């Protein structure tokens, strides 16, 4: 709840900033813009790429969405349990894969030891025949 409480004002500030970043008069040609705004990034619509304002707005919106999602998940125990199901499933798969690898390693070690014992028996038989 505390995280969401601090993120809501941040989201509102970023929304107000992004609304102010794009004026209502849409001028596609920088020459028709007022002189004091011609060098500004507001009217630089023909250049490719993202402006600093657009990037900051996108980051702010993403942070706000993650904060709201986190607030919802932590506030509802039923939703939290529902969202943990895929994570538990993945953890179970990882655990089973690790156990399978350990079992395979044990089996290979046991087979190697069995072969070593058979080879030692062969050497003892060979020594006894000589």
Protein backbone atom coordinates (compact mmCIF):
# COMPACT_ATOMS: atom_id res chain seq x y z
CA UNK A 1 0.00 0.00 0.00
CA UNK A 2 2.88 2.37 0.80
CA UNK A 3 4.48 1.95 -2.63
CA UNK A 4 1.25 2.73 -4.43
CA UNK A 5 0.67 5.77 -2.21
CA UNK A 6 3.92 7.34 -3.41
CA UNK A 7 3.59 6.29 -7.04
CA UNK A 8 0.16 7.84 -7.67
CA UNK A 9 1.43 11.45 -7.28
CA UNK A 10 4.42 10.56 -9.44
CA UNK A 11 2.12 9.23 -12.15
CA UNK A 12 -0.05 12.35 -12.01
CA UNK A 13 3.02 14.61 -12.27
CA UNK A 14 4.36 12.67 -15.24
CA UNK A 15 1.00 12.77 -16.99
CA UNK A 16 0.77 16.52 -16.45
CA UNK A 17 4.33 16.90 -17.73
CA UNK A 18 3.62 14.84 -20.84
CA UNK A 19 0.44 16.81 -21.57
CA UNK A 20 2.39 20.06 -21.27
CA UNK A 21 5.19 18.67 -23.47
CA UNK A 22 3.00 18.62 -26.58
CA UNK A 23 1.17 21.87 -27.32
CA UNK A 24 -2.28 21.85 -28.82
CA UNK A 25 -1.25 23.48 -32.09
CA UNK A 26 0.33 20.74 -34.13
CA UNK A 27 2.77 22.27 -36.53
CA UNK A 28 4.68 19.78 -38.67
CA UNK A 29 6.93 22.36 -40.29
CA UNK A 30 9.33 24.10 -37.87
CA UNK A 31 9.20 27.35 -39.90
CA UNK A 32 5.56 27.97 -39.00
CA UNK A 33 6.31 27.68 -35.29
CA UNK A 34 6.83 30.77 -33.16
CA UNK A 35 10.43 31.99 -32.99
CA UNK A 36 10.95 31.14 -29.34
CA UNK A 37 9.90 27.50 -29.95
CA UNK A 38 11.70 26.73 -33.21
CA UNK A 39 14.79 25.33 -31.51
CA UNK A 40 12.69 23.42 -28.99
CA UNK A 41 12.13 19.69 -29.28
CA UNK A 42 8.34 20.24 -29.29
CA UNK A 43 8.32 21.10 -32.98
CA UNK A 44 11.06 18.74 -34.03
CA UNK A 45 8.53 16.18 -35.21
CA UNK A 46 10.22 15.38 -38.50
CA UNK A 47 13.46 14.08 -36.94
CA UNK A 48 13.65 10.33 -36.30
CA UNK A 49 14.08 8.91 -32.81
CA UNK A 50 12.64 9.54 -29.41
CA UNK A 51 12.86 12.83 -27.55
CA UNK A 52 14.01 13.02 -23.94
CA UNK A 53 10.50 13.91 -22.85
CA UNK A 54 9.03 10.87 -24.57
CA UNK A 55 11.59 8.55 -23.00
CA UNK A 56 11.05 9.99 -19.53
CA UNK A 57 7.29 9.76 -19.95
CA UNK A 58 7.53 6.12 -21.04
CA UNK A 59 9.77 5.27 -18.09
CA UNK A 60 7.41 7.06 -15.72
CA UNK A 61 4.36 5.25 -17.04
CA UNK A 62 6.14 1.89 -16.81
CA UNK A 63 7.19 2.59 -13.21
CA UNK A 64 3.64 3.63 -12.36
CA UNK A 65 2.12 0.50 -13.92
CA UNK A 66 4.59 -1.73 -12.09
CA UNK A 67 3.85 0.11 -8.85
CA UNK A 68 0.10 -0.23 -9.23
CA UNK A 69 0.47 -3.91 -10.15
CA UNK A 70 2.70 -4.48 -7.12
CA UNK A 71 0.19 -2.71 -4.90
CA UNK A 72 -2.65 -4.85 -6.20
CA UNK A 73 -0.71 -8.07 -5.79
CA UNK A 74 0.39 -7.31 -2.25
CA UNK A 75 -3.08 -6.18 -1.15
CA UNK A 76 -5.00 -9.26 -2.29
CA UNK A 77 -3.98 -12.64 -0.89
CA UNK A 78 -6.17 -14.50 -3.39
CA UNK A 79 -4.56 -12.70 -6.34
CA UNK A 80 -1.11 -13.30 -4.87
CA UNK A 81 -1.79 -17.04 -4.59
CA UNK A 82 -3.16 -17.11 -8.15
CA UNK A 83 -0.03 -15.39 -9.50
CA UNK A 84 2.32 -17.65 -7.55
CA UNK A 85 1.01 -20.79 -9.29
CA UNK A 86 3.14 -20.38 -12.46
CA UNK A 87 6.21 -19.56 -10.38
CA UNK A 88 5.70 -22.63 -8.22
CA UNK A 89 5.29 -24.74 -11.35
CA UNK A 90 8.54 -23.39 -12.83
CA UNK A 91 10.38 -23.92 -9.55
CA UNK A 92 9.07 -27.48 -9.43
CA UNK A 93 10.33 -28.11 -12.96
CA UNK A 94 13.75 -26.68 -12.11
CA UNK A 95 13.91 -28.77 -8.95
CA UNK A 96 12.98 -31.95 -10.85
CA UNK A 97 15.55 -31.21 -13.55
CA UNK A 98 18.23 -30.71 -10.89
CA UNK A 99 17.25 -33.98 -9.19
CA UNK A 100 17.35 -35.77 -12.55
CA UNK A 101 20.85 -34.40 -13.20
CA UNK A 102 21.94 -35.53 -9.75
CA UNK A 103 20.45 -38.97 -10.32
CA UNK A 104 22.19 -39.20 -13.70
CA UNK A 105 25.49 -38.17 -12.11
CA UNK A 106 25.06 -40.78 -9.35
CA UNK A 107 24.21 -43.44 -11.92
CA UNK A 108 27.24 -42.58 -14.05
CA UNK A 109 29.46 -42.60 -10.98
CA UNK A 110 28.06 -45.98 -9.92
CA UNK A 111 28.57 -47.40 -13.44
CA UNK A 112 32.13 -46.10 -13.49
CA UNK A 113 32.83 -47.64 -10.10
CA UNK A 114 31.30 -50.95 -11.22
CA UNK A 115 33.51 -50.94 -14.31
CA UNK A 116 36.52 -50.18 -12.11
CA UNK A 117 35.69 -53.15 -9.85
CA UNK A 118 35.26 -55.43 -12.89
CA UNK A 119 38.60 -54.27 -14.25
CA UNK A 120 40.28 -54.97 -10.89
CA UNK A 121 38.73 -58.48 -10.89
CA UNK A 122 40.06 -59.00 -14.41
CA UNK A 123 43.54 -57.93 -13.29
CA UNK A 124 43.42 -60.28 -10.29
CA UNK A 125 42.33 -63.18 -12.54
CA UNK A 126 45.08 -62.38 -15.00
CA UNK A 127 47.68 -62.28 -12.20
CA UNK A 128 46.40 -65.60 -10.84
CA UNK A 129 46.81 -67.27 -14.29
CA UNK A 130 50.41 -66.10 -14.62
